[in-house]
Amino acid sequence: MTAAALDINSVLQNVLSLPRPERSYLAEKLIVSLDEDAELSPAWCAELEARVQRRQSGETRSYSREEVSAELEAILT
């Protein structure tokens, strides 16, 4: 299927319904695809893969904007 054949709104709705780890993985892949001429070093590729693995395994977690804002507010007050 070509990109032109995809309904971008349907794709977006489907992606947004995925759990956070899968959305994060897709976001990473999309960002990397925006600069296809740039090659990442093997060390950086290994680091990215390690970060994805830690996130998917539950070793690390992500934080919502609200959680980060509350934490910053607590630190600054």
N, C-alpha and C. Protein backbone atom coordinates (compact mmCIF):
# COMPACT_ATOMS: atom_id res chain seq x y z
N MET A 1 0.84 -1.17 0.00
CA MET A 1 0.00 0.00 0.00
C MET A 1 0.89 1.24 0.00
N THR A 2 0.56 2.21 -0.81
CA THR A 2 1.35 3.43 -0.88
C THR A 2 0.91 4.41 0.20
N ALA A 3 1.80 5.34 0.49
CA ALA A 3 1.48 6.35 1.50
C ALA A 3 0.25 7.15 1.08
N ALA A 4 0.11 7.38 -0.22
CA ALA A 4 -1.04 8.16 -0.70
C ALA A 4 -2.35 7.42 -0.46
N ALA A 5 -2.30 6.09 -0.40
CA ALA A 5 -3.51 5.31 -0.21
C ALA A 5 -3.95 5.27 1.24
N LEU A 6 -3.09 5.69 2.16
CA LEU A 6 -3.42 5.66 3.58
C LEU A 6 -4.24 6.88 3.95
N ASP A 7 -5.24 6.69 4.76
CA ASP A 7 -6.00 7.79 5.33
C ASP A 7 -5.29 8.20 6.61
N ILE A 8 -4.60 9.33 6.56
CA ILE A 8 -3.76 9.75 7.67
C ILE A 8 -4.54 9.89 8.97
N ASN A 9 -5.78 10.33 8.90
CA ASN A 9 -6.58 10.47 10.13
C ASN A 9 -6.87 9.11 10.75
N SER A 10 -7.14 8.11 9.92
CA SER A 10 -7.37 6.77 10.46
C SER A 10 -6.10 6.20 11.08
N VAL A 11 -4.98 6.42 10.40
CA VAL A 11 -3.71 5.95 10.93
C VAL A 11 -3.44 6.62 12.27
N LEU A 12 -3.64 7.93 12.34
CA LEU A 12 -3.40 8.66 13.57
C LEU A 12 -4.28 8.15 14.71
N GLN A 13 -5.55 7.95 14.45
CA GLN A 13 -6.46 7.45 15.47
C GLN A 13 -6.04 6.07 15.97
N ASN A 14 -5.63 5.22 15.04
CA ASN A 14 -5.18 3.88 15.42
C ASN A 14 -3.92 3.94 16.27
N VAL A 15 -2.97 4.78 15.87
CA VAL A 15 -1.72 4.90 16.61
C VAL A 15 -1.98 5.48 18.00
N LEU A 16 -2.83 6.49 18.09
CA LEU A 16 -3.10 7.11 19.39
C LEU A 16 -3.81 6.16 20.35
N SER A 17 -4.43 5.12 19.82
CA SER A 17 -5.11 4.16 20.70
C SER A 17 -4.16 3.09 21.24
N LEU A 18 -2.92 3.08 20.75
CA LEU A 18 -1.93 2.10 21.23
C LEU A 18 -1.45 2.48 22.62
N PRO A 19 -0.94 1.50 23.37
CA PRO A 19 -0.33 1.81 24.67
C PRO A 19 0.90 2.70 24.49
N ARG A 20 1.25 3.41 25.53
CA ARG A 20 2.36 4.36 25.49
C ARG A 20 3.67 3.77 24.96
N PRO A 21 4.09 2.58 25.36
CA PRO A 21 5.37 2.06 24.84
C PRO A 21 5.38 1.91 23.32
N GLU A 22 4.27 1.44 22.77
CA GLU A 22 4.20 1.28 21.33
C GLU A 22 4.17 2.64 20.62
N ARG A 23 3.48 3.62 21.20
CA ARG A 23 3.47 4.96 20.61
C ARG A 23 4.87 5.55 20.64
N SER A 24 5.57 5.33 21.75
CA SER A 24 6.94 5.84 21.87
C SER A 24 7.85 5.21 20.82
N TYR A 25 7.71 3.92 20.63
CA TYR A 25 8.51 3.21 19.63
C TYR A 25 8.25 3.77 18.24
N LEU A 26 6.97 3.96 17.91
CA LEU A 26 6.63 4.50 16.59
C LEU A 26 7.14 5.93 16.42
N ALA A 27 7.03 6.73 17.47
CA ALA A 27 7.52 8.11 17.40
C ALA A 27 9.02 8.12 17.11
N GLU A 28 9.74 7.25 17.78
CA GLU A 28 11.19 7.17 17.55
C GLU A 28 11.48 6.81 16.10
N LYS A 29 10.78 5.82 15.59
CA LYS A 29 11.00 5.39 14.20
C LYS A 29 10.66 6.50 13.22
N LEU A 30 9.58 7.25 13.47
CA LEU A 30 9.20 8.35 12.59
C LEU A 30 10.23 9.46 12.61
N ILE A 31 10.72 9.80 13.79
CA ILE A 31 11.73 10.85 13.90
C ILE A 31 12.99 10.46 13.15
N VAL A 32 13.42 9.24 13.33
CA VAL A 32 14.62 8.76 12.63
C VAL A 32 14.40 8.81 11.12
N SER A 33 13.18 8.49 10.68
CA SER A 33 12.91 8.45 9.24
C SER A 33 12.92 9.83 8.60
N LEU A 34 12.77 10.89 9.40
CA LEU A 34 12.75 12.24 8.84
C LEU A 34 14.10 12.67 8.29
N ASP A 35 15.15 12.08 8.77
CA ASP A 35 16.48 12.43 8.30
C ASP A 35 17.17 11.17 7.80
N GLU A 36 16.67 10.67 6.70
CA GLU A 36 17.16 9.38 6.19
C GLU A 36 18.60 9.44 5.71
N ASP A 37 19.10 10.62 5.41
CA ASP A 37 20.49 10.73 4.95
C ASP A 37 21.48 10.64 6.09
N ALA A 38 21.05 10.97 7.27
CA ALA A 38 21.94 10.96 8.42
C ALA A 38 22.03 9.54 8.98
N GLU A 39 23.24 9.09 9.19
CA GLU A 39 23.43 7.77 9.78
C GLU A 39 23.81 7.94 11.24
N LEU A 40 23.19 7.12 12.06
CA LEU A 40 23.53 7.12 13.48
C LEU A 40 24.73 6.23 13.69
N SER A 41 25.57 6.62 14.62
CA SER A 41 26.73 5.79 14.93
C SER A 41 26.25 4.48 15.56
N PRO A 42 27.04 3.43 15.45
CA PRO A 42 26.67 2.17 16.10
C PRO A 42 26.45 2.33 17.60
N ALA A 43 27.24 3.19 18.23
CA ALA A 43 27.09 3.40 19.68
C ALA A 43 25.74 4.05 19.98
N TRP A 44 25.33 5.01 19.17
CA TRP A 44 24.05 5.68 19.41
C TRP A 44 22.89 4.72 19.12
N CYS A 45 23.01 3.91 18.08
CA CYS A 45 21.98 2.90 17.79
C CYS A 45 21.84 1.93 18.96
N ALA A 46 22.96 1.51 19.53
CA ALA A 46 22.93 0.60 20.68
C ALA A 46 22.27 1.26 21.88
N GLU A 47 22.57 2.54 22.09
CA GLU A 47 21.97 3.28 23.20
C GLU A 47 20.46 3.41 23.02
N LEU A 48 20.03 3.74 21.82
CA LEU A 48 18.59 3.85 21.55
C LEU A 48 17.89 2.52 21.78
N GLU A 49 18.48 1.46 21.29
CA GLU A 49 17.88 0.13 21.47
C GLU A 49 17.81 -0.24 22.95
N ALA A 50 18.86 0.09 23.71
CA ALA A 50 18.87 -0.20 25.14
C ALA A 50 17.77 0.58 25.85
N ARG A 51 17.58 1.83 25.45
CA ARG A 51 16.52 2.65 26.07
C ARG A 51 15.14 2.08 25.77
N VAL A 52 14.93 1.66 24.53
CA VAL A 52 13.64 1.07 24.15
C VAL A 52 13.41 -0.21 24.95
N GLN A 53 14.43 -1.04 25.06
CA GLN A 53 14.30 -2.30 25.79
C GLN A 53 13.99 -2.05 27.27
N ARG A 54 14.67 -1.07 27.88
CA ARG A 54 14.40 -0.74 29.29
C ARG A 54 12.97 -0.25 29.47
N ARG A 55 12.48 0.53 28.52
CA ARG A 55 11.12 1.04 28.61
C ARG A 55 10.10 -0.08 28.43
N GLN A 56 10.33 -0.94 27.46
CA GLN A 56 9.40 -2.03 27.19
C GLN A 56 9.39 -3.07 28.30
N SER A 57 10.51 -3.24 28.98
CA SER A 57 10.59 -4.23 30.06
C SER A 57 10.01 -3.69 31.37
N GLY A 58 9.75 -2.39 31.41
CA GLY A 58 9.23 -1.79 32.64
C GLY A 58 10.31 -1.32 33.59
N GLU A 59 11.57 -1.46 33.19
CA GLU A 59 12.68 -1.02 34.04
C GLU A 59 12.65 0.50 34.23
N THR A 60 12.25 1.21 33.20
CA THR A 60 12.06 2.65 33.30
C THR A 60 10.62 2.95 32.95
N ARG A 61 10.17 4.11 33.33
CA ARG A 61 8.80 4.48 33.02
C ARG A 61 8.77 5.88 32.43
N SER A 62 7.70 6.18 31.77
CA SER A 62 7.53 7.53 31.25
C SER A 62 6.65 8.31 32.21
N TYR A 63 6.67 9.62 32.06
CA TYR A 63 5.92 10.50 32.94
C TYR A 63 5.04 11.40 32.09
N SER A 64 3.83 11.62 32.55
CA SER A 64 2.93 12.53 31.84
C SER A 64 3.40 13.96 32.04
N ARG A 65 2.92 14.82 31.19
CA ARG A 65 3.23 16.24 31.31
C ARG A 65 2.77 16.77 32.66
N GLU A 66 1.61 16.28 33.11
CA GLU A 66 1.06 16.72 34.39
C GLU A 66 1.97 16.31 35.55
N GLU A 67 2.50 15.08 35.50
CA GLU A 67 3.41 14.61 36.55
C GLU A 67 4.69 15.45 36.59
N VAL A 68 5.23 15.73 35.42
CA VAL A 68 6.46 16.53 35.36
C VAL A 68 6.19 17.95 35.86
N SER A 69 5.07 18.53 35.44
CA SER A 69 4.73 19.88 35.89
C SER A 69 4.56 19.93 37.41
N ALA A 70 3.88 18.94 37.98
CA ALA A 70 3.69 18.91 39.43
C ALA A 70 5.02 18.76 40.15
N GLU A 71 5.91 17.94 39.63
CA GLU A 71 7.22 17.74 40.25
C GLU A 71 8.03 19.04 40.21
N LEU A 72 8.01 19.71 39.06
CA LEU A 72 8.72 20.98 38.94
C LEU A 72 8.14 22.03 39.87
N GLU A 73 6.84 22.08 39.94
CA GLU A 73 6.17 23.03 40.83
C GLU A 73 6.58 22.79 42.28
N ALA A 74 6.65 21.52 42.68
CA ALA A 74 7.05 21.19 44.04
C ALA A 74 8.50 21.60 44.30
N ILE A 75 9.35 21.44 43.33
CA ILE A 75 10.75 21.80 43.49
C ILE A 75 10.92 23.31 43.57
N LEU A 76 10.17 24.04 42.75
CA LEU A 76 10.34 25.48 42.66
C LEU A 76 9.64 26.27 43.75
N THR A 77 8.74 25.62 44.49
CA THR A 77 8.03 26.37 45.54
C THR A 77 8.56 26.05 46.91
